[in-house]
Amino acid sequence: MATFTKGILSESDEGQAFGLSTGGHETIHTGPTATTSYDEVWMYVSNAYSADEELYLGWGAGGGEPANQMRFTVPTKAGYFLVVPGLILKGNASPLIVTGYASASNRLNLVGYVNHITA
């Protein structure tokens, strides 16, 4: 029987929201290394700045630039906006990672959690 354990994004400081900078992908979460483990990732972003901002997420890279990239326009002052709706990272000897950057530094706040699933 599988077990589920809720946890924080690996790069989050005690589950706190964190801002993304510009200039390239920074790691947000690192997936599991056991091939029988999965991470179900949920992420939300908010924008308190006075104009819409862009968020760029990389999904599932094993290192370097991500193969799969997503781009979001985050509306200003609209509360939390769901950007990753429970997508899965499967365990890999070279763990898969989620990365991101923003169109401007310290304007977007990213929060989330992970459901760690083991078989």
N, C-alpha and C. Protein backbone atom coordinates (compact mmCIF):
# COMPACT_ATOMS: atom_id res chain seq x y z
N MET A 1 0.83 -1.17 0.00
CA MET A 1 0.00 0.00 0.00
C MET A 1 0.89 1.25 0.00
N ALA A 2 0.53 2.22 -0.80
CA ALA A 2 1.30 3.47 -0.90
C ALA A 2 1.08 4.33 0.34
N THR A 3 2.11 5.10 0.68
CA THR A 3 1.99 6.05 1.78
C THR A 3 2.13 7.47 1.23
N PHE A 4 1.39 8.40 1.82
CA PHE A 4 1.40 9.80 1.43
C PHE A 4 1.87 10.63 2.63
N THR A 5 2.83 11.51 2.38
CA THR A 5 3.31 12.41 3.41
C THR A 5 3.38 13.81 2.83
N LYS A 6 2.72 14.76 3.46
CA LYS A 6 2.74 16.14 2.98
C LYS A 6 4.03 16.80 3.45
N GLY A 7 4.67 17.57 2.53
CA GLY A 7 5.91 18.25 2.87
C GLY A 7 6.00 19.60 2.17
N ILE A 8 7.05 20.32 2.47
CA ILE A 8 7.28 21.63 1.86
C ILE A 8 8.14 21.48 0.61
N LEU A 9 8.11 22.49 -0.24
CA LEU A 9 9.01 22.52 -1.39
C LEU A 9 10.44 22.51 -0.87
N SER A 10 11.32 21.75 -1.49
CA SER A 10 12.66 21.54 -0.95
C SER A 10 13.47 22.81 -0.77
N GLU A 11 13.23 23.84 -1.57
CA GLU A 11 14.00 25.08 -1.45
C GLU A 11 13.29 26.16 -0.64
N SER A 12 12.12 25.83 -0.10
CA SER A 12 11.37 26.78 0.71
C SER A 12 11.96 26.81 2.12
N ASP A 13 12.02 27.98 2.71
CA ASP A 13 12.50 28.15 4.07
C ASP A 13 11.35 27.91 5.03
N GLU A 14 11.26 26.69 5.55
CA GLU A 14 10.22 26.30 6.51
C GLU A 14 8.81 26.50 5.97
N GLY A 15 8.63 26.37 4.67
CA GLY A 15 7.31 26.49 4.06
C GLY A 15 6.89 27.91 3.75
N GLN A 16 7.78 28.87 3.96
CA GLN A 16 7.46 30.27 3.70
C GLN A 16 7.44 30.56 2.21
N ALA A 17 6.69 31.59 1.82
CA ALA A 17 6.69 32.06 0.43
C ALA A 17 8.08 32.61 0.12
N PHE A 18 8.49 32.46 -1.12
CA PHE A 18 9.78 33.04 -1.49
C PHE A 18 9.67 33.72 -2.84
N GLY A 19 10.49 34.74 -3.03
CA GLY A 19 10.50 35.50 -4.27
C GLY A 19 11.47 34.91 -5.26
N LEU A 20 11.17 35.06 -6.52
CA LEU A 20 12.06 34.59 -7.58
C LEU A 20 12.76 35.79 -8.19
N SER A 21 13.98 35.59 -8.62
CA SER A 21 14.73 36.67 -9.26
C SER A 21 14.71 36.50 -10.77
N THR A 22 15.37 37.39 -11.46
CA THR A 22 15.49 37.32 -12.91
C THR A 22 16.84 36.70 -13.25
N GLY A 23 17.08 36.46 -14.52
CA GLY A 23 18.40 36.07 -14.96
C GLY A 23 18.68 34.58 -15.00
N GLY A 24 17.69 33.75 -14.96
CA GLY A 24 17.94 32.33 -15.12
C GLY A 24 17.21 31.49 -14.09
N HIS A 25 17.08 30.24 -14.42
CA HIS A 25 16.32 29.30 -13.59
C HIS A 25 17.04 29.04 -12.26
N GLU A 26 16.28 29.15 -11.17
CA GLU A 26 16.79 28.75 -9.87
C GLU A 26 15.92 27.60 -9.37
N THR A 27 16.50 26.71 -8.61
CA THR A 27 15.78 25.52 -8.14
C THR A 27 14.70 25.90 -7.13
N ILE A 28 13.51 25.35 -7.35
CA ILE A 28 12.38 25.53 -6.44
C ILE A 28 12.15 24.24 -5.64
N HIS A 29 12.23 23.11 -6.35
CA HIS A 29 12.02 21.81 -5.68
C HIS A 29 12.82 20.73 -6.40
N THR A 30 13.38 19.85 -5.60
CA THR A 30 14.11 18.68 -6.12
C THR A 30 13.32 17.43 -5.77
N GLY A 31 13.03 16.63 -6.79
CA GLY A 31 12.24 15.42 -6.61
C GLY A 31 13.01 14.30 -5.94
N PRO A 32 12.35 13.16 -5.71
CA PRO A 32 12.98 12.03 -5.01
C PRO A 32 14.00 11.30 -5.89
N THR A 33 14.85 10.52 -5.22
CA THR A 33 15.85 9.73 -5.95
C THR A 33 15.46 8.26 -6.04
N ALA A 34 14.58 7.78 -5.19
CA ALA A 34 14.14 6.38 -5.25
C ALA A 34 13.13 6.21 -6.38
N THR A 35 13.34 5.21 -7.23
CA THR A 35 12.47 5.02 -8.39
C THR A 35 11.06 4.56 -8.01
N THR A 36 10.85 4.20 -6.75
CA THR A 36 9.51 3.81 -6.29
C THR A 36 8.82 4.96 -5.56
N SER A 37 9.38 6.15 -5.66
CA SER A 37 8.81 7.32 -4.99
C SER A 37 8.36 8.36 -6.01
N TYR A 38 7.37 9.13 -5.62
CA TYR A 38 6.82 10.19 -6.47
C TYR A 38 6.59 11.44 -5.61
N ASP A 39 6.71 12.59 -6.21
CA ASP A 39 6.31 13.84 -5.56
C ASP A 39 5.19 14.46 -6.38
N GLU A 40 4.07 14.70 -5.72
CA GLU A 40 2.94 15.42 -6.32
C GLU A 40 3.11 16.88 -5.90
N VAL A 41 3.35 17.76 -6.87
CA VAL A 41 3.74 19.14 -6.58
C VAL A 41 2.57 20.09 -6.83
N TRP A 42 2.32 20.96 -5.84
CA TRP A 42 1.31 22.00 -5.93
C TRP A 42 1.99 23.34 -5.67
N MET A 43 1.82 24.30 -6.58
CA MET A 43 2.44 25.61 -6.40
C MET A 43 1.45 26.72 -6.77
N TYR A 44 1.54 27.80 -6.01
CA TYR A 44 0.71 28.98 -6.20
C TYR A 44 1.62 30.20 -6.23
N VAL A 45 1.21 31.23 -6.97
CA VAL A 45 2.00 32.45 -7.04
C VAL A 45 1.06 33.64 -6.85
N SER A 46 1.56 34.68 -6.21
CA SER A 46 0.80 35.91 -6.08
C SER A 46 1.66 37.09 -6.53
N ASN A 47 0.99 38.17 -6.92
CA ASN A 47 1.66 39.35 -7.45
C ASN A 47 1.06 40.58 -6.76
N ALA A 48 1.85 41.20 -5.88
CA ALA A 48 1.38 42.40 -5.18
C ALA A 48 1.87 43.67 -5.86
N TYR A 49 2.59 43.52 -6.96
CA TYR A 49 3.10 44.69 -7.68
C TYR A 49 1.94 45.37 -8.43
N SER A 50 2.18 46.55 -8.97
CA SER A 50 1.12 47.34 -9.61
C SER A 50 0.85 46.98 -11.07
N ALA A 51 1.58 46.03 -11.62
CA ALA A 51 1.36 45.60 -13.00
C ALA A 51 1.50 44.08 -13.08
N ASP A 52 0.95 43.49 -14.13
CA ASP A 52 1.11 42.05 -14.35
C ASP A 52 2.59 41.72 -14.51
N GLU A 53 2.98 40.51 -14.07
CA GLU A 53 4.36 40.04 -14.17
C GLU A 53 4.38 38.65 -14.80
N GLU A 54 5.51 38.28 -15.36
CA GLU A 54 5.68 36.97 -15.99
C GLU A 54 6.43 36.02 -15.05
N LEU A 55 5.97 34.78 -15.02
CA LEU A 55 6.62 33.71 -14.27
C LEU A 55 7.01 32.63 -15.26
N TYR A 56 8.23 32.14 -15.16
CA TYR A 56 8.74 31.08 -16.02
C TYR A 56 9.10 29.90 -15.14
N LEU A 57 8.51 28.73 -15.41
CA LEU A 57 8.82 27.52 -14.65
C LEU A 57 9.43 26.49 -15.58
N GLY A 58 10.45 25.81 -15.08
CA GLY A 58 11.04 24.67 -15.78
C GLY A 58 10.62 23.41 -15.05
N TRP A 59 10.28 22.38 -15.79
CA TRP A 59 9.73 21.17 -15.18
C TRP A 59 10.53 19.94 -15.55
N GLY A 60 11.00 19.21 -14.54
CA GLY A 60 11.56 17.88 -14.74
C GLY A 60 12.98 17.80 -15.26
N ALA A 61 13.74 18.85 -15.19
CA ALA A 61 15.12 18.78 -15.66
C ALA A 61 15.96 17.96 -14.70
N GLY A 62 16.93 17.26 -15.25
CA GLY A 62 17.87 16.51 -14.43
C GLY A 62 19.11 17.32 -14.14
N GLY A 63 19.18 18.54 -14.58
CA GLY A 63 20.33 19.41 -14.40
C GLY A 63 20.42 20.34 -15.60
N GLY A 64 20.90 21.53 -15.40
CA GLY A 64 21.00 22.49 -16.50
C GLY A 64 19.64 23.07 -16.84
N GLU A 65 19.50 23.57 -18.05
CA GLU A 65 18.24 24.17 -18.49
C GLU A 65 17.16 23.10 -18.62
N PRO A 66 15.95 23.37 -18.16
CA PRO A 66 14.87 22.39 -18.22
C PRO A 66 14.40 22.16 -19.65
N ALA A 67 13.99 20.93 -19.91
CA ALA A 67 13.48 20.58 -21.23
C ALA A 67 12.06 21.10 -21.43
N ASN A 68 11.30 21.14 -20.36
CA ASN A 68 9.90 21.57 -20.43
C ASN A 68 9.74 22.88 -19.68
N GLN A 69 9.34 23.92 -20.39
CA GLN A 69 9.18 25.22 -19.76
C GLN A 69 7.74 25.69 -19.89
N MET A 70 7.29 26.38 -18.84
CA MET A 70 5.94 26.94 -18.81
C MET A 70 6.07 28.43 -18.54
N ARG A 71 5.19 29.21 -19.15
CA ARG A 71 5.21 30.66 -18.95
C ARG A 71 3.81 31.11 -18.53
N PHE A 72 3.75 31.93 -17.49
CA PHE A 72 2.48 32.42 -16.95
C PHE A 72 2.51 33.93 -16.85
N THR A 73 1.40 34.56 -17.16
CA THR A 73 1.22 35.97 -16.83
C THR A 73 0.44 36.00 -15.53
N VAL A 74 1.06 36.57 -14.50
CA VAL A 74 0.45 36.61 -13.18
C VAL A 74 -0.21 37.97 -12.99
N PRO A 75 -1.54 37.99 -12.88
CA PRO A 75 -2.24 39.27 -12.77
C PRO A 75 -1.93 39.98 -11.45
N THR A 76 -1.94 41.29 -11.52
CA THR A 76 -1.66 42.09 -10.33
C THR A 76 -2.80 42.02 -9.32
N LYS A 77 -2.43 41.94 -8.07
CA LYS A 77 -3.36 42.03 -6.94
C LYS A 77 -4.58 41.12 -7.07
N ALA A 78 -4.36 39.89 -7.53
CA ALA A 78 -5.46 38.96 -7.75
C ALA A 78 -5.44 37.78 -6.77
N GLY A 79 -4.64 37.87 -5.72
CA GLY A 79 -4.53 36.76 -4.76
C GLY A 79 -3.64 35.65 -5.30
N TYR A 80 -3.78 34.48 -4.71
CA TYR A 80 -2.95 33.35 -5.16
C TYR A 80 -3.52 32.75 -6.43
N PHE A 81 -2.62 32.41 -7.34
CA PHE A 81 -2.93 31.90 -8.67
C PHE A 81 -2.28 30.52 -8.78
N LEU A 82 -3.06 29.47 -9.04
CA LEU A 82 -2.53 28.11 -9.14
C LEU A 82 -1.72 27.95 -10.42
N VAL A 83 -0.45 27.55 -10.29
CA VAL A 83 0.40 27.37 -11.47
C VAL A 83 0.86 25.92 -11.66
N VAL A 84 0.90 25.13 -10.60
CA VAL A 84 1.22 23.70 -10.73
C VAL A 84 0.16 22.92 -9.97
N PRO A 85 -0.76 22.26 -10.70
CA PRO A 85 -1.91 21.60 -10.07
C PRO A 85 -1.69 20.12 -9.77
N GLY A 86 -0.70 19.82 -8.94
CA GLY A 86 -0.50 18.42 -8.55
C GLY A 86 0.20 17.58 -9.59
N LEU A 87 1.09 18.18 -10.35
CA LEU A 87 1.87 17.41 -11.33
C LEU A 87 2.87 16.51 -10.61
N ILE A 88 3.24 15.41 -11.26
CA ILE A 88 4.05 14.37 -10.63
C ILE A 88 5.49 14.41 -11.11
N LEU A 89 6.42 14.28 -10.14
CA LEU A 89 7.82 14.01 -10.44
C LEU A 89 8.10 12.59 -9.95
N LYS A 90 8.51 11.69 -10.87
CA LYS A 90 8.84 10.32 -10.49
C LYS A 90 10.28 10.27 -10.05
N GLY A 91 10.54 9.46 -9.04
CA GLY A 91 11.90 9.29 -8.53
C GLY A 91 12.86 8.85 -9.63
N ASN A 92 14.06 9.36 -9.56
CA ASN A 92 15.09 9.10 -10.56
C ASN A 92 16.44 9.18 -9.86
N ALA A 93 17.40 8.34 -10.25
CA ALA A 93 18.72 8.37 -9.63
C ALA A 93 19.33 9.77 -9.71
N SER A 94 19.11 10.46 -10.84
CA SER A 94 19.45 11.89 -10.95
C SER A 94 18.12 12.62 -10.78
N PRO A 95 17.86 13.17 -9.59
CA PRO A 95 16.52 13.68 -9.31
C PRO A 95 16.06 14.75 -10.29
N LEU A 96 14.79 14.71 -10.61
CA LEU A 96 14.18 15.72 -11.46
C LEU A 96 13.90 16.96 -10.63
N ILE A 97 14.00 18.13 -11.25
CA ILE A 97 13.85 19.37 -10.51
C ILE A 97 12.83 20.29 -11.16
N VAL A 98 12.29 21.19 -10.33
CA VAL A 98 11.42 22.27 -10.79
C VAL A 98 12.20 23.56 -10.56
N THR A 99 12.29 24.38 -11.59
CA THR A 99 13.05 25.63 -11.51
C THR A 99 12.14 26.79 -11.90
N GLY A 100 12.62 28.00 -11.67
CA GLY A 100 11.82 29.15 -12.07
C GLY A 100 12.59 30.45 -12.02
N TYR A 101 12.03 31.43 -12.70
CA TYR A 101 12.50 32.81 -12.60
C TYR A 101 11.34 33.72 -12.99
N ALA A 102 11.50 35.01 -12.70
CA ALA A 102 10.44 35.98 -12.94
C ALA A 102 10.93 37.09 -13.86
N SER A 103 9.97 37.85 -14.39
CA SER A 103 10.32 38.97 -15.28
C SER A 103 10.96 40.12 -14.52
N ALA A 104 10.74 40.19 -13.22
CA ALA A 104 11.37 41.21 -12.37
C ALA A 104 11.56 40.60 -10.98
N SER A 105 12.64 40.96 -10.32
CA SER A 105 12.95 40.38 -9.01
C SER A 105 12.03 40.88 -7.91
N ASN A 106 11.71 39.96 -7.00
CA ASN A 106 11.00 40.28 -5.76
C ASN A 106 9.63 40.92 -5.95
N ARG A 107 8.93 40.55 -7.01
CA ARG A 107 7.56 41.03 -7.21
C ARG A 107 6.54 39.90 -7.11
N LEU A 108 7.00 38.68 -7.33
CA LEU A 108 6.13 37.51 -7.24
C LEU A 108 6.48 36.71 -5.99
N ASN A 109 5.46 36.19 -5.32
CA ASN A 109 5.66 35.32 -4.16
C ASN A 109 5.16 33.93 -4.51
N LEU A 110 6.01 32.94 -4.35
CA LEU A 110 5.70 31.56 -4.70
C LEU A 110 5.57 30.74 -3.42
N VAL A 111 4.51 29.97 -3.31
CA VAL A 111 4.30 29.06 -2.19
C VAL A 111 3.83 27.72 -2.75
N GLY A 112 3.91 26.70 -1.93
CA GLY A 112 3.42 25.41 -2.38
C GLY A 112 3.73 24.32 -1.38
N TYR A 113 3.39 23.12 -1.79
CA TYR A 113 3.66 21.95 -0.97
C TYR A 113 3.80 20.74 -1.88
N VAL A 114 4.24 19.64 -1.28
CA VAL A 114 4.48 18.41 -2.02
C VAL A 114 3.83 17.27 -1.24
N ASN A 115 3.14 16.39 -1.94
CA ASN A 115 2.71 15.12 -1.37
C ASN A 115 3.74 14.08 -1.79
N HIS A 116 4.54 13.60 -0.82
CA HIS A 116 5.52 12.56 -1.10
C HIS A 116 4.78 11.22 -1.08
N ILE A 117 4.92 10.46 -2.17
CA ILE A 117 4.21 9.19 -2.29
C ILE A 117 5.25 8.09 -2.46
N THR A 118 5.18 7.06 -1.62
CA THR A 118 6.08 5.91 -1.74
C THR A 118 5.26 4.64 -1.90
N ALA A 119 5.75 3.78 -2.76
CA ALA A 119 5.03 2.52 -3.03
C ALA A 119 5.32 1.49 -1.96
